[in-house]
């Protein structure tokens, strides 16, 4: 399934994980829906399989490897999407929302005089 742990860490988590992070960030930053991150993760998973194959001699047509790589990249992209969405909601609508952690926001409590 995984050709080798260092290759998985370097290619999938490092290089392609960075691509997935930037993809999730860009999609969220332009107010597009989460499902687009998941669609791009399918393409990033294929690119990851090709890089592992071309650079390190790993299996190109490994369904388990593709599934694992795509799942990891989709999780990274979705996390970036959510963190960016939380930041954008609070920056764009500061009178309505306030941050709650890295991934969340809540309605701002209005105190009436």
Protein backbone atom coordinates (compact mmCIF):
# COMPACT_ATOMS: atom_id res chain seq x y z
CA UNK A 1 0.00 0.00 0.00
CA UNK A 2 2.65 2.52 1.01
CA UNK A 3 5.85 2.10 -0.97
CA UNK A 4 7.93 3.37 1.92
CA UNK A 5 7.30 5.58 4.92
CA UNK A 6 9.90 8.25 3.99
CA UNK A 7 8.46 8.51 0.46
CA UNK A 8 4.93 8.81 1.89
CA UNK A 9 6.04 11.50 4.32
CA UNK A 10 8.05 13.43 1.73
CA UNK A 11 5.81 13.19 -1.32
CA UNK A 12 2.30 12.72 0.07
CA UNK A 13 2.46 14.69 3.30
CA UNK A 14 5.15 17.21 2.38
CA UNK A 15 4.87 18.11 -1.27
CA UNK A 16 1.34 17.05 -2.24
CA UNK A 17 0.04 17.91 1.24
CA UNK A 18 1.23 21.46 0.64
CA UNK A 19 -0.59 21.45 -2.69
CA UNK A 20 -3.75 20.18 -0.98
CA UNK A 21 -3.44 22.88 1.68
CA UNK A 22 -3.11 25.61 -0.94
CA UNK A 23 -6.04 24.14 -2.88
CA UNK A 24 -8.31 24.14 0.17
CA UNK A 25 -7.23 27.65 1.08
CA UNK A 26 -7.82 29.00 -2.43
CA UNK A 27 -11.22 27.35 -2.82
CA UNK A 28 -12.40 28.68 0.53
CA UNK A 29 -10.90 32.11 -0.07
CA UNK A 30 -13.06 32.46 -3.19
CA UNK A 31 -16.20 31.31 -1.30
CA UNK A 32 -16.55 28.07 -3.25
CA UNK A 33 -18.05 24.94 -1.61
CA UNK A 34 -16.18 22.15 0.18
CA UNK A 35 -17.10 19.51 -2.41
CA UNK A 36 -14.72 21.23 -4.84
CA UNK A 37 -11.83 20.50 -2.46
CA UNK A 38 -12.81 16.83 -2.53
CA UNK A 39 -12.97 16.82 -6.34
CA UNK A 40 -9.49 18.33 -6.58
CA UNK A 41 -8.22 15.82 -4.01
CA UNK A 42 -9.03 13.04 -6.49
CA UNK A 43 -6.73 14.71 -9.02
CA UNK A 44 -4.03 15.39 -6.42
CA UNK A 45 -4.16 11.73 -5.41
CA UNK A 46 -3.51 10.70 -9.02
CA UNK A 47 -0.62 13.16 -9.28
CA UNK A 48 0.80 11.79 -6.02
CA UNK A 49 0.65 8.21 -7.35
CA UNK A 50 2.44 9.29 -10.52
CA UNK A 51 5.21 11.09 -8.60
CA UNK A 52 5.79 8.09 -6.34
CA UNK A 53 5.92 5.87 -9.43
CA UNK A 54 8.14 8.14 -11.56
CA UNK A 55 10.59 9.24 -8.88
CA UNK A 56 10.79 6.26 -6.53
CA UNK A 57 9.61 3.24 -8.52
CA UNK A 58 6.45 2.77 -6.47
CA UNK A 59 3.36 1.09 -7.86
CA UNK A 60 1.40 3.33 -10.24
CA UNK A 61 -1.87 1.41 -10.27
CA UNK A 62 -2.25 0.71 -6.57
CA UNK A 63 -5.90 1.23 -5.65
CA UNK A 64 -5.12 1.05 -1.92
CA UNK A 65 -2.24 3.52 -2.31
CA UNK A 66 -4.37 5.90 -4.35
CA UNK A 67 -7.19 5.64 -1.81
CA UNK A 68 -4.92 6.35 1.15
CA UNK A 69 -3.12 9.21 -0.60
CA UNK A 70 -6.40 10.77 -1.72
CA UNK A 71 -7.94 10.42 1.73
CA UNK A 72 -4.95 12.12 3.37
CA UNK A 73 -4.89 14.91 0.78
CA UNK A 74 -8.66 15.44 1.07
CA UNK A 75 -8.34 15.74 4.86
CA UNK A 76 -5.54 18.31 4.54
CA UNK A 77 -7.49 20.26 1.93
CA UNK A 78 -10.71 20.16 3.96
CA UNK A 79 -8.90 21.37 7.09
CA UNK A 80 -7.38 24.27 5.15
CA UNK A 81 -10.80 25.05 3.65
CA UNK A 82 -12.46 25.16 7.07
CA UNK A 83 -9.71 27.22 8.74
CA UNK A 84 -9.79 29.73 5.88
CA UNK A 85 -13.60 29.88 5.96
CA UNK A 86 -13.56 30.62 9.70
CA UNK A 87 -11.01 33.38 9.20
CA UNK A 88 -12.92 34.88 6.26
CA UNK A 89 -16.26 34.86 8.09
CA UNK A 90 -14.80 36.79 11.00
CA UNK A 91 -12.80 39.22 8.86
CA UNK A 92 -15.60 39.93 6.41
CA UNK A 93 -18.39 40.12 9.00
CA UNK A 94 -16.71 41.27 12.24
CA UNK A 95 -19.95 42.76 13.59
CA UNK A 96 -21.69 39.37 13.24
CA UNK A 97 -19.08 36.71 14.07
CA UNK A 98 -16.10 36.05 16.31
CA UNK A 99 -13.50 33.30 16.13
CA UNK A 100 -13.77 30.16 18.20
CA UNK A 101 -10.57 28.20 17.77
CA UNK A 102 -8.87 27.45 14.47
CA UNK A 103 -11.87 26.00 12.64
CA UNK A 104 -14.86 27.75 14.12
CA UNK A 105 -16.78 30.93 14.58
CA UNK A 106 -19.89 31.93 16.45
CA UNK A 107 -22.43 34.68 16.35
CA UNK A 108 -21.20 37.72 18.23
CA UNK A 109 -23.20 38.48 21.35
CA UNK A 110 -24.79 41.93 21.11
CA UNK A 111 -25.10 43.79 24.36
CA UNK A 112 -27.94 46.31 24.38
CA UNK A 113 -27.63 49.41 26.54
